[in-house]
PDB file of N, CA and C in Angstrom:
ATOM      1  N   UNK A   1      84.287  54.702 112.948  1.00  0.00           N
ATOM      2  CA  UNK A   1      85.537  54.663 113.939  1.00  0.00           C
ATOM      3  C   UNK A   1      85.344  54.283 115.162  1.00  0.00           C
ATOM      4  N   UNK A   2      86.504  53.952 115.777  1.00  0.00           N
ATOM      5  CA  UNK A   2      86.718  53.903 117.325  1.00  0.00           C
ATOM      6  C   UNK A   2      87.205  54.707 117.304  1.00  0.00           C
ATOM      7  N   UNK A   3      86.057  55.362 119.373  1.00  0.00           N
ATOM      8  CA  UNK A   3      87.289  55.980 119.830  1.00  0.00           C
ATOM      9  C   UNK A   3      88.443  55.871 120.581  1.00  0.00           C
ATOM     10  N   UNK A   4      89.540  56.784 121.100  1.00  0.00           N
ATOM     11  CA  UNK A   4      89.986  55.947 122.347  1.00  0.00           C
ATOM     12  C   UNK A   4      89.538  55.069 123.276  1.00  0.00           C
ATOM     13  N   UNK A   5      88.754  55.471 123.941  1.00  0.00           N
ATOM     14  CA  UNK A   5      87.801  53.969 124.629  1.00  0.00           C
ATOM     15  C   UNK A   5      88.216  53.352 124.854  1.00  0.00           C
ATOM     16  N   UNK A   6      87.405  53.141 123.158  1.00  0.00           N
ATOM     17  CA  UNK A   6      87.500  51.622 122.613  1.00  0.00           C
ATOM     18  C   UNK A   6      88.149  50.954 121.850  1.00  0.00           C
ATOM     19  N   UNK A   7      89.439  51.868 121.986  1.00  0.00           N
ATOM     20  CA  UNK A   7      90.980  51.474 121.395  1.00  0.00           C
ATOM     21  C   UNK A   7      91.561  50.476 122.764  1.00  0.00           C
ATOM     22  N   UNK A   8      91.469  51.112 123.630  1.00  0.00           N
ATOM     23  CA  UNK A   8      91.657  50.671 124.876  1.00  0.00           C
ATOM     24  C   UNK A   8      91.285  49.139 125.621  1.00  0.00           C
ATOM     25  N   UNK A   9      90.528  50.098 125.057  1.00  0.00           N
ATOM     26  CA  UNK A   9      89.489  48.303 125.841  1.00  0.00           C
ATOM     27  C   UNK A   9      89.827  46.934 124.794  1.00  0.00           C
ATOM     28  N   UNK A  10      90.522  46.932 123.607  1.00  0.00           N
ATOM     29  CA  UNK A  10      90.704  46.316 122.509  1.00  0.00           C
ATOM     30  C   UNK A  10      92.231  45.902 123.409  1.00  0.00           C
ATOM     31  N   UNK A  11      92.771  46.858 123.788  1.00  0.00           N
ATOM     32  CA  UNK A  11      93.791  46.146 124.488  1.00  0.00           C
ATOM     33  C   UNK A  11      94.118  46.071 125.000  1.00  0.00           C
ATOM     34  N   UNK A  12      93.092  46.485 126.457  1.00  0.00           N
ATOM     35  CA  UNK A  12      92.735  45.483 127.420  1.00  0.00           C
ATOM     36  C   UNK A  12      92.932  43.979 127.467  1.00  0.00           C
ATOM     37  N   UNK A  13      91.563  43.584 125.884  1.00  0.00           N
ATOM     38  CA  UNK A  13      91.436  42.427 125.835  1.00  0.00           C
ATOM     39  C   UNK A  13      92.440  41.460 124.959  1.00  0.00           C
ATOM     40  N   UNK A  14      92.670  41.768 124.214  1.00  0.00           N
ATOM     41  CA  UNK A  14      94.303  41.623 122.955  1.00  0.00           C
ATOM     42  C   UNK A  14      95.197  40.769 124.653  1.00  0.00           C
ATOM     43  N   UNK A  15      95.331  41.953 125.380  1.00  0.00           N
ATOM     44  CA  UNK A  15      96.907  41.440 126.659  1.00  0.00           C
ATOM     45  C   UNK A  15      96.142  40.172 126.832  1.00  0.00           C
ATOM     46  N   UNK A  16      95.148  40.418 127.711  1.00  0.00           N
ATOM     47  CA  UNK A  16      94.215  39.274 128.651  1.00  0.00           C
ATOM     48  C   UNK A  16      94.145  38.032 127.459  1.00  0.00           C
ATOM     49  N   UNK A  17      94.605  37.745 126.260  1.00  0.00           N
ATOM     50  CA  UNK A  17      94.464  36.444 125.414  1.00  0.00           C
ATOM     51  C   UNK A  17      95.702  36.081 125.999  1.00  0.00           C
ATOM     52  N   UNK A  18      96.551  37.309 125.066  1.00  0.00           N
ATOM     53  CA  UNK A  18      97.891  37.058 125.313  1.00  0.00           C
ATOM     54  C   UNK A  18      98.362  36.220 126.373  1.00  0.00           C
ATOM     55  N   UNK A  19      97.935  36.209 127.147  1.00  0.00           N
ATOM     56  CA  UNK A  19      99.043  36.341 128.477  1.00  0.00           C
ATOM     57  C   UNK A  19      98.247  34.865 128.909  1.00  0.00           C
ATOM     58  N   UNK A  20      97.164  34.479 129.054  1.00  0.00           N
ATOM     59  CA  UNK A  20      96.124  33.638 129.526  1.00  0.00           C
ATOM     60  C   UNK A  20      96.651  31.985 128.784  1.00  0.00           C
ATOM     61  N   UNK A  21      97.409  30.367 129.522  1.00  0.00           N
ATOM     62  CA  UNK A  21      97.083  29.826 128.833  1.00  0.00           C
ATOM     63  C   UNK A  21      96.237  28.752 128.655  1.00  0.00           C
ATOM     64  N   UNK A  22      95.222  28.941 130.045  1.00  0.00           N
ATOM     65  CA  UNK A  22      93.683  28.154 129.822  1.00  0.00           C
ATOM     66  C   UNK A  22      93.755  28.997 130.627  1.00  0.00           C
ATOM     67  N   UNK A  23      91.670  29.231 130.296  1.00  0.00           N
ATOM     68  CA  UNK A  23      90.883  30.177 130.936  1.00  0.00           C
ATOM     69  C   UNK A  23      90.089  30.320 129.942  1.00  0.00           C
ATOM     70  N   UNK A  24      89.222  31.531 130.787  1.00  0.00           N
ATOM     71  CA  UNK A  24      88.299  32.203 129.883  1.00  0.00           C
ATOM     72  C   UNK A  24      88.825  33.897 129.774  1.00  0.00           C
ATOM     73  N   UNK A  25      88.525  35.094 129.253  1.00  0.00           N
ATOM     74  CA  UNK A  25      88.950  36.158 128.830  1.00  0.00           C
ATOM     75  C   UNK A  25      86.514  36.246 128.497  1.00  0.00           C
ATOM     76  N   UNK A  26      85.950  37.120 130.083  1.00  0.00           N
ATOM     77  CA  UNK A  26      84.797  37.921 130.623  1.00  0.00           C
ATOM     78  C   UNK A  26      84.935  39.248 129.720  1.00  0.00           C
ATOM     79  N   UNK A  27      83.798  39.400 129.284  1.00  0.00           N
ATOM     80  CA  UNK A  27      83.622  41.281 128.497  1.00  0.00           C
ATOM     81  C   UNK A  27      81.978  41.399 128.669  1.00  0.00           C
ATOM     82  N   UNK A  28      82.515  42.428 129.947  1.00  0.00           N
ATOM     83  CA  UNK A  28      80.907  42.656 130.172  1.00  0.00           C
ATOM     84  C   UNK A  28      80.396  44.066 129.991  1.00  0.00           C
ATOM     85  N   UNK A  29      79.230  43.819 128.843  1.00  0.00           N
ATOM     86  CA  UNK A  29      79.015  45.199 128.630  1.00  0.00           C
ATOM     87  C   UNK A  29      77.447  45.649 129.092  1.00  0.00           C
ATOM     88  N   UNK A  30      76.481  46.890 129.351  1.00  0.00           N
ATOM     89  CA  UNK A  30      76.126  47.635 129.185  1.00  0.00           C
ATOM     90  C   UNK A  30      76.014  49.089 128.366  1.00  0.00           C
ATOM     91  N   UNK A  31      74.707  48.818 128.036  1.00  0.00           N
ATOM     92  CA  UNK A  31      74.071  50.294 127.081  1.00  0.00           C
ATOM     93  C   UNK A  31      74.755  50.177 125.557  1.00  0.00           C
ATOM     94  N   UNK A  32      75.387  48.889 125.388  1.00  0.00           N
ATOM     95  CA  UNK A  32      76.284  48.671 124.100  1.00  0.00           C
ATOM     96  C   UNK A  32      77.471  49.388 124.437  1.00  0.00           C
ATOM     97  N   UNK A  33      77.959  49.397 125.785  1.00  0.00           N
ATOM     98  CA  UNK A  33      79.427  49.678 126.180  1.00  0.00           C
ATOM     99  C   UNK A  33      80.153  48.878 127.069  1.00  0.00           C
ATOM    100  N   UNK A  34      81.438  47.864 127.131  1.00  0.00           N
ATOM    101  CA  UNK A  34      82.367  47.549 127.948  1.00  0.00           C
ATOM    102  C   UNK A  34      82.425  48.334 129.139  1.00  0.00           C
ATOM    103  N   UNK A  35      81.899  47.806 129.955  1.00  0.00           N
ATOM    104  CA  UNK A  35      82.093  48.430 131.565  1.00  0.00           C
ATOM    105  C   UNK A  35      83.527  47.223 132.383  1.00  0.00           C
ATOM    106  N   UNK A  36      83.016  45.971 132.077  1.00  0.00           N
ATOM    107  CA  UNK A  36      83.926  45.135 132.899  1.00  0.00           C
ATOM    108  C   UNK A  36      84.771  44.320 132.133  1.00  0.00           C
ATOM    109  N   UNK A  37      85.879  43.848 132.417  1.00  0.00           N
ATOM    110  CA  UNK A  37      86.814  42.523 131.117  1.00  0.00           C
ATOM    111  C   UNK A  37      87.631  42.251 132.833  1.00  0.00           C
ATOM    112  N   UNK A  38      86.947  40.780 132.514  1.00  0.00           N
ATOM    113  CA  UNK A  38      87.109  39.298 133.397  1.00  0.00           C
ATOM    114  C   UNK A  38      88.202  38.875 132.679  1.00  0.00           C
ATOM    115  N   UNK A  39      89.219  37.992 133.843  1.00  0.00           N
ATOM    116  CA  UNK A  39      90.438  36.923 132.703  1.00  0.00           C
ATOM    117  C   UNK A  39      90.009  36.225 133.981  1.00  0.00           C
ATOM    118  N   UNK A  40      90.157  34.961 133.787  1.00  0.00           N
ATOM    119  CA  UNK A  40      89.824  33.555 134.911  1.00  0.00           C
ATOM    120  C   UNK A  40      90.403  32.952 134.214  1.00  0.00           C
ATOM    121  N   UNK A  41      91.976  31.906 134.993  1.00  0.00           N
ATOM    122  CA  UNK A  41      92.813  31.522 134.046  1.00  0.00           C
ATOM    123  C   UNK A  41      93.321  30.179 135.091  1.00  0.00           C
ATOM    124  N   UNK A  42      93.138  29.734 134.529  1.00  0.00           N
ATOM    125  CA  UNK A  42      92.955  27.497 135.283  1.00  0.00           C
ATOM    126  C   UNK A  42      94.619  27.136 135.319  1.00  0.00           C
ATOM    127  N   UNK A  43      94.339  26.304 136.208  1.00  0.00           N
ATOM    128  CA  UNK A  43      96.114  25.604 136.183  1.00  0.00           C
ATOM    129  C   UNK A  43      95.732  25.038 136.820  1.00  0.00           C
ATOM    130  N   UNK A  44      95.865  24.004 135.582  1.00  0.00           N
ATOM    131  CA  UNK A  44      95.749  22.313 135.500  1.00  0.00           C
ATOM    132  C   UNK A  44      97.507  21.791 136.408  1.00  0.00           C
ATOM    133  N   UNK A  45      97.007  20.571 136.841  1.00  0.00           N
ATOM    134  CA  UNK A  45      98.449  19.850 137.448  1.00  0.00           C
ATOM    135  C   UNK A  45      98.128  18.294 136.823  1.00  0.00           C
ATOM    136  N   UNK A  46      98.729  18.109 136.841  1.00  0.00           N
ATOM    137  CA  UNK A  46      99.040  16.976 136.109  1.00  0.00           C
ATOM    138  C   UNK A  46      99.258  15.554 137.103  1.00  0.00           C
ATOM    139  N   UNK A  47      99.017  14.838 137.501  1.00  0.00           N
ATOM    140  CA  UNK A  47      99.389  13.692 138.632  1.00  0.00           C
ATOM    141  C   UNK A  47     100.112  12.683 138.075  1.00  0.00           C
ATOM    142  N   UNK A  48     101.506  12.260 138.221  1.00  0.00           N
ATOM    143  CA  UNK A  48     102.352  11.423 137.998  1.00  0.00           C
ATOM    144  C   UNK A  48     101.934   9.737 138.790  1.00  0.00           C
ATOM    145  N   UNK A  49     102.118   9.173 138.320  1.00  0.00           N
ATOM    146  CA  UNK A  49     102.076   7.785 139.157  1.00  0.00           C
ATOM    147  C   UNK A  49     103.369   7.673 140.888  1.00  0.00           C
ATOM    148  N   UNK A  50     104.393   7.939 140.309  1.00  0.00           N
ATOM    149  CA  UNK A  50     104.494   9.144 141.935  1.00  0.00           C
ATOM    150  C   UNK A  50     104.419   9.138 142.806  1.00  0.00           C
ATOM    151  N   UNK A  51     103.563  10.170 142.313  1.00  0.00           N
ATOM    152  CA  UNK A  51     102.821  11.303 143.564  1.00  0.00           C
ATOM    153  C   UNK A  51     100.931  10.488 143.920  1.00  0.00           C
ATOM    154  N   UNK A  52     101.153  10.679 145.154  1.00  0.00           N
ATOM    155  CA  UNK A  52      99.946   9.729 145.648  1.00  0.00           C
ATOM    156  C   UNK A  52      99.732  11.308 145.891  1.00  0.00           C
ATOM    157  N   UNK A  53      97.697  11.140 145.444  1.00  0.00           N
ATOM    158  CA  UNK A  53      97.147  12.150 146.194  1.00  0.00           C
ATOM    159  C   UNK A  53      96.314  12.416 147.762  1.00  0.00           C
ATOM    160  N   UNK A  54      97.244  13.544 148.280  1.00  0.00           N
ATOM    161  CA  UNK A  54      96.885  14.011 149.371  1.00  0.00           C
ATOM    162  C   UNK A  54      95.316  13.510 149.953  1.00  0.00           C
ATOM    163  N   UNK A  55      94.926  12.657 150.829  1.00  0.00           N
ATOM    164  CA  UNK A  55      94.247  12.848 151.630  1.00  0.00           C
ATOM    165  C   UNK A  55      93.771  13.824 152.605  1.00  0.00           C
ATOM    166  N   UNK A  56      92.927  14.327 152.730  1.00  0.00           N
ATOM    167  CA  UNK A  56      91.855  15.617 153.600  1.00  0.00           C
ATOM    168  C   UNK A  56      91.083  14.928 154.910  1.00  0.00           C
ATOM    169  N   UNK A  57      91.288  15.501 156.089  1.00  0.00           N
ATOM    170  CA  UNK A  57      90.695  14.712 156.760  1.00  0.00           C
ATOM    171  C   UNK A  57      90.194  16.210 157.423  1.00  0.00           C
ATOM    172  N   UNK A  58      88.435  15.624 157.911  1.00  0.00           N
ATOM    173  CA  UNK A  58      88.123  16.286 158.378  1.00  0.00           C
ATOM    174  C   UNK A  58      87.499  15.997 159.445  1.00  0.00           C
ATOM    175  N   UNK A  59      88.013  16.817 161.015  1.00  0.00           N
ATOM    176  CA  UNK A  59      87.231  16.199 161.761  1.00  0.00           C
ATOM    177  C   UNK A  59      86.722  16.458 162.648  1.00  0.00           C
TER     178      UNK A  59
END
């Protein structure tokens, strides 16, 4: 049976998965226990033919 802390972890993981469209949910485990949950969200932008790519000039 899962204890209260593990239920809280599952809730955080579930929320992270539901709220992300593109990206990763990373779970860090130490000594068999979840110690950290990271969410990396990616935003992808499509380039249309009317938009020219911006140029970066470094002086």
